[in-house]
Amino acid sequence: MENGKKMYVTAEEATEMLGVSTGYAYKIIRGLNEELKAKGYRTICGKVPTKYFEEKFYGLTVAM
C-alpha cells in the first residue's frame, strides 16, 4: 500500500466518493469485479482494488 491508502474500496466508501446510493455503489463494484474476473483476477464481493477503482473513475494509470 502506498501513501497509507487502503488496498480496497468498499461500497460505503464508493457511495461517499461518487455521491451515489449504496445500492448503486454495489452495482458499480459488481461491474468492476466482473471486468477483473474477465482479465483473470480473483475478486472479493463488495470490494474493488483501490488502484483499479481510481483508474476507472479518475483516469489514473494502473499497472496490473
N, C-alpha and C. Protein backbone atom coordinates (compact mmCIF):
# COMPACT_ATOMS: atom_id res chain seq x y z
N MET A 1 0.84 -1.17 0.00
CA MET A 1 0.00 0.00 0.00
C MET A 1 0.89 1.24 0.00
N GLU A 2 0.60 2.13 -0.89
CA GLU A 2 1.38 3.35 -0.99
C GLU A 2 0.69 4.51 -0.32
N ASN A 3 1.47 5.35 0.34
CA ASN A 3 0.95 6.55 0.99
C ASN A 3 -0.18 6.28 1.98
N GLY A 4 -0.20 5.11 2.61
CA GLY A 4 -1.22 4.81 3.60
C GLY A 4 -2.61 4.56 3.02
N LYS A 5 -2.72 4.39 1.70
CA LYS A 5 -4.02 4.13 1.09
C LYS A 5 -4.48 2.72 1.41
N LYS A 6 -5.78 2.55 1.48
CA LYS A 6 -6.35 1.23 1.68
C LYS A 6 -6.22 0.44 0.39
N MET A 7 -6.14 -0.87 0.51
CA MET A 7 -5.99 -1.72 -0.66
C MET A 7 -7.30 -1.85 -1.44
N TYR A 8 -8.43 -1.79 -0.74
CA TYR A 8 -9.74 -1.97 -1.38
C TYR A 8 -10.67 -0.81 -1.07
N VAL A 9 -11.57 -0.54 -2.01
CA VAL A 9 -12.65 0.41 -1.80
C VAL A 9 -13.91 -0.41 -1.55
N THR A 10 -14.63 -0.07 -0.49
CA THR A 10 -15.89 -0.75 -0.19
C THR A 10 -17.05 0.03 -0.82
N ALA A 11 -18.21 -0.57 -0.81
CA ALA A 11 -19.39 0.09 -1.37
C ALA A 11 -19.71 1.36 -0.59
N GLU A 12 -19.54 1.32 0.72
CA GLU A 12 -19.82 2.51 1.53
C GLU A 12 -18.88 3.66 1.16
N GLU A 13 -17.61 3.35 0.94
CA GLU A 13 -16.65 4.37 0.54
C GLU A 13 -16.95 4.89 -0.86
N ALA A 14 -17.34 3.99 -1.76
CA ALA A 14 -17.69 4.41 -3.12
C ALA A 14 -18.92 5.31 -3.09
N THR A 15 -19.85 5.05 -2.18
CA THR A 15 -21.04 5.89 -2.02
C THR A 15 -20.63 7.32 -1.70
N GLU A 16 -19.70 7.46 -0.77
CA GLU A 16 -19.24 8.80 -0.37
C GLU A 16 -18.45 9.48 -1.49
N MET A 17 -17.54 8.73 -2.12
CA MET A 17 -16.68 9.32 -3.15
C MET A 17 -17.46 9.76 -4.39
N LEU A 18 -18.45 8.95 -4.79
CA LEU A 18 -19.16 9.19 -6.03
C LEU A 18 -20.49 9.92 -5.83
N GLY A 19 -20.96 9.99 -4.60
CA GLY A 19 -22.24 10.65 -4.34
C GLY A 19 -23.43 9.89 -4.89
N VAL A 20 -23.37 8.56 -4.80
CA VAL A 20 -24.47 7.72 -5.27
C VAL A 20 -25.02 6.92 -4.10
N SER A 21 -26.13 6.24 -4.33
CA SER A 21 -26.72 5.41 -3.27
C SER A 21 -25.84 4.19 -3.03
N THR A 22 -26.02 3.59 -1.86
CA THR A 22 -25.24 2.39 -1.53
C THR A 22 -25.56 1.26 -2.50
N GLY A 23 -26.83 1.11 -2.87
CA GLY A 23 -27.21 0.06 -3.83
C GLY A 23 -26.52 0.24 -5.17
N TYR A 24 -26.45 1.48 -5.63
CA TYR A 24 -25.79 1.75 -6.90
C TYR A 24 -24.28 1.53 -6.79
N ALA A 25 -23.72 1.86 -5.63
CA ALA A 25 -22.28 1.62 -5.42
C ALA A 25 -21.98 0.12 -5.51
N TYR A 26 -22.85 -0.72 -4.94
CA TYR A 26 -22.66 -2.17 -5.05
C TYR A 26 -22.74 -2.60 -6.52
N LYS A 27 -23.65 -2.02 -7.27
CA LYS A 27 -23.78 -2.35 -8.69
C LYS A 27 -22.50 -1.98 -9.45
N ILE A 28 -21.93 -0.82 -9.15
CA ILE A 28 -20.69 -0.40 -9.78
C ILE A 28 -19.56 -1.37 -9.43
N ILE A 29 -19.46 -1.73 -8.17
CA ILE A 29 -18.41 -2.65 -7.73
C ILE A 29 -18.57 -4.01 -8.37
N ARG A 30 -19.80 -4.50 -8.50
CA ARG A 30 -20.03 -5.78 -9.19
C ARG A 30 -19.53 -5.71 -10.62
N GLY A 31 -19.82 -4.59 -11.30
CA GLY A 31 -19.37 -4.42 -12.68
C GLY A 31 -17.86 -4.39 -12.79
N LEU A 32 -17.21 -3.66 -11.89
CA LEU A 32 -15.75 -3.60 -11.91
C LEU A 32 -15.15 -4.97 -11.62
N ASN A 33 -15.74 -5.70 -10.67
CA ASN A 33 -15.25 -7.04 -10.36
C ASN A 33 -15.44 -7.99 -11.53
N GLU A 34 -16.53 -7.84 -12.28
CA GLU A 34 -16.72 -8.67 -13.48
C GLU A 34 -15.62 -8.39 -14.51
N GLU A 35 -15.25 -7.12 -14.68
CA GLU A 35 -14.16 -6.77 -15.59
C GLU A 35 -12.86 -7.44 -15.14
N LEU A 36 -12.60 -7.40 -13.84
CA LEU A 36 -11.38 -8.01 -13.32
C LEU A 36 -11.40 -9.53 -13.50
N LYS A 37 -12.56 -10.15 -13.26
CA LYS A 37 -12.67 -11.60 -13.47
C LYS A 37 -12.40 -11.97 -14.92
N ALA A 38 -12.89 -11.17 -15.85
CA ALA A 38 -12.67 -11.42 -17.28
C ALA A 38 -11.18 -11.33 -17.63
N LYS A 39 -10.44 -10.56 -16.85
CA LYS A 39 -8.99 -10.43 -17.07
C LYS A 39 -8.21 -11.51 -16.34
N GLY A 40 -8.92 -12.37 -15.59
CA GLY A 40 -8.28 -13.48 -14.91
C GLY A 40 -7.91 -13.22 -13.45
N TYR A 41 -8.40 -12.12 -12.87
CA TYR A 41 -8.10 -11.81 -11.47
C TYR A 41 -9.19 -12.37 -10.56
N ARG A 42 -8.81 -12.68 -9.35
CA ARG A 42 -9.78 -13.08 -8.32
C ARG A 42 -10.32 -11.80 -7.68
N THR A 43 -11.55 -11.86 -7.23
CA THR A 43 -12.18 -10.66 -6.66
C THR A 43 -12.79 -10.98 -5.31
N ILE A 44 -13.13 -9.92 -4.58
CA ILE A 44 -13.80 -10.04 -3.28
C ILE A 44 -15.14 -9.31 -3.40
N CYS A 45 -16.22 -9.99 -3.06
CA CYS A 45 -17.54 -9.38 -3.14
C CYS A 45 -17.63 -8.12 -2.28
N GLY A 46 -18.20 -7.08 -2.85
CA GLY A 46 -18.41 -5.85 -2.11
C GLY A 46 -17.20 -4.95 -1.99
N LYS A 47 -16.07 -5.36 -2.61
CA LYS A 47 -14.86 -4.56 -2.57
C LYS A 47 -14.20 -4.60 -3.94
N VAL A 48 -13.46 -3.55 -4.26
CA VAL A 48 -12.71 -3.50 -5.51
C VAL A 48 -11.36 -2.86 -5.19
N PRO A 49 -10.28 -3.32 -5.83
CA PRO A 49 -8.97 -2.72 -5.55
C PRO A 49 -8.99 -1.20 -5.78
N THR A 50 -8.42 -0.48 -4.85
CA THR A 50 -8.41 0.98 -4.90
C THR A 50 -7.78 1.48 -6.20
N LYS A 51 -6.67 0.90 -6.61
CA LYS A 51 -5.99 1.35 -7.83
C LYS A 51 -6.88 1.18 -9.05
N TYR A 52 -7.59 0.06 -9.14
CA TYR A 52 -8.47 -0.18 -10.29
C TYR A 52 -9.65 0.80 -10.27
N PHE A 53 -10.20 1.02 -9.10
CA PHE A 53 -11.31 1.96 -8.94
C PHE A 53 -10.88 3.35 -9.41
N GLU A 54 -9.71 3.80 -8.96
CA GLU A 54 -9.22 5.13 -9.34
C GLU A 54 -8.95 5.22 -10.84
N GLU A 55 -8.44 4.14 -11.43
CA GLU A 55 -8.20 4.13 -12.87
C GLU A 55 -9.51 4.32 -13.64
N LYS A 56 -10.53 3.62 -13.22
CA LYS A 56 -11.81 3.65 -13.93
C LYS A 56 -12.57 4.95 -13.74
N PHE A 57 -12.44 5.58 -12.57
CA PHE A 57 -13.21 6.78 -12.30
C PHE A 57 -12.44 8.08 -12.42
N TYR A 58 -11.15 7.99 -12.26
CA TYR A 58 -10.36 9.23 -12.29
C TYR A 58 -9.29 9.23 -13.37
N GLY A 59 -9.21 8.16 -14.16
CA GLY A 59 -8.28 8.11 -15.28
C GLY A 59 -6.82 7.96 -14.89
N LEU A 60 -6.55 7.50 -13.66
CA LEU A 60 -5.17 7.31 -13.24
C LEU A 60 -4.64 6.01 -13.85
N THR A 61 -3.38 6.00 -14.18
CA THR A 61 -2.76 4.83 -14.79
C THR A 61 -2.43 3.82 -13.71
N VAL A 62 -2.80 2.55 -13.98
CA VAL A 62 -2.55 1.47 -13.04
C VAL A 62 -1.86 0.34 -13.76
N ALA A 63 -0.78 -0.14 -13.21
CA ALA A 63 -0.08 -1.30 -13.78
C ALA A 63 -0.55 -2.54 -13.05
N MET A 64 -1.36 -3.37 -13.74
CA MET A 64 -1.84 -4.62 -13.13
C MET A 64 -1.36 -5.77 -13.97
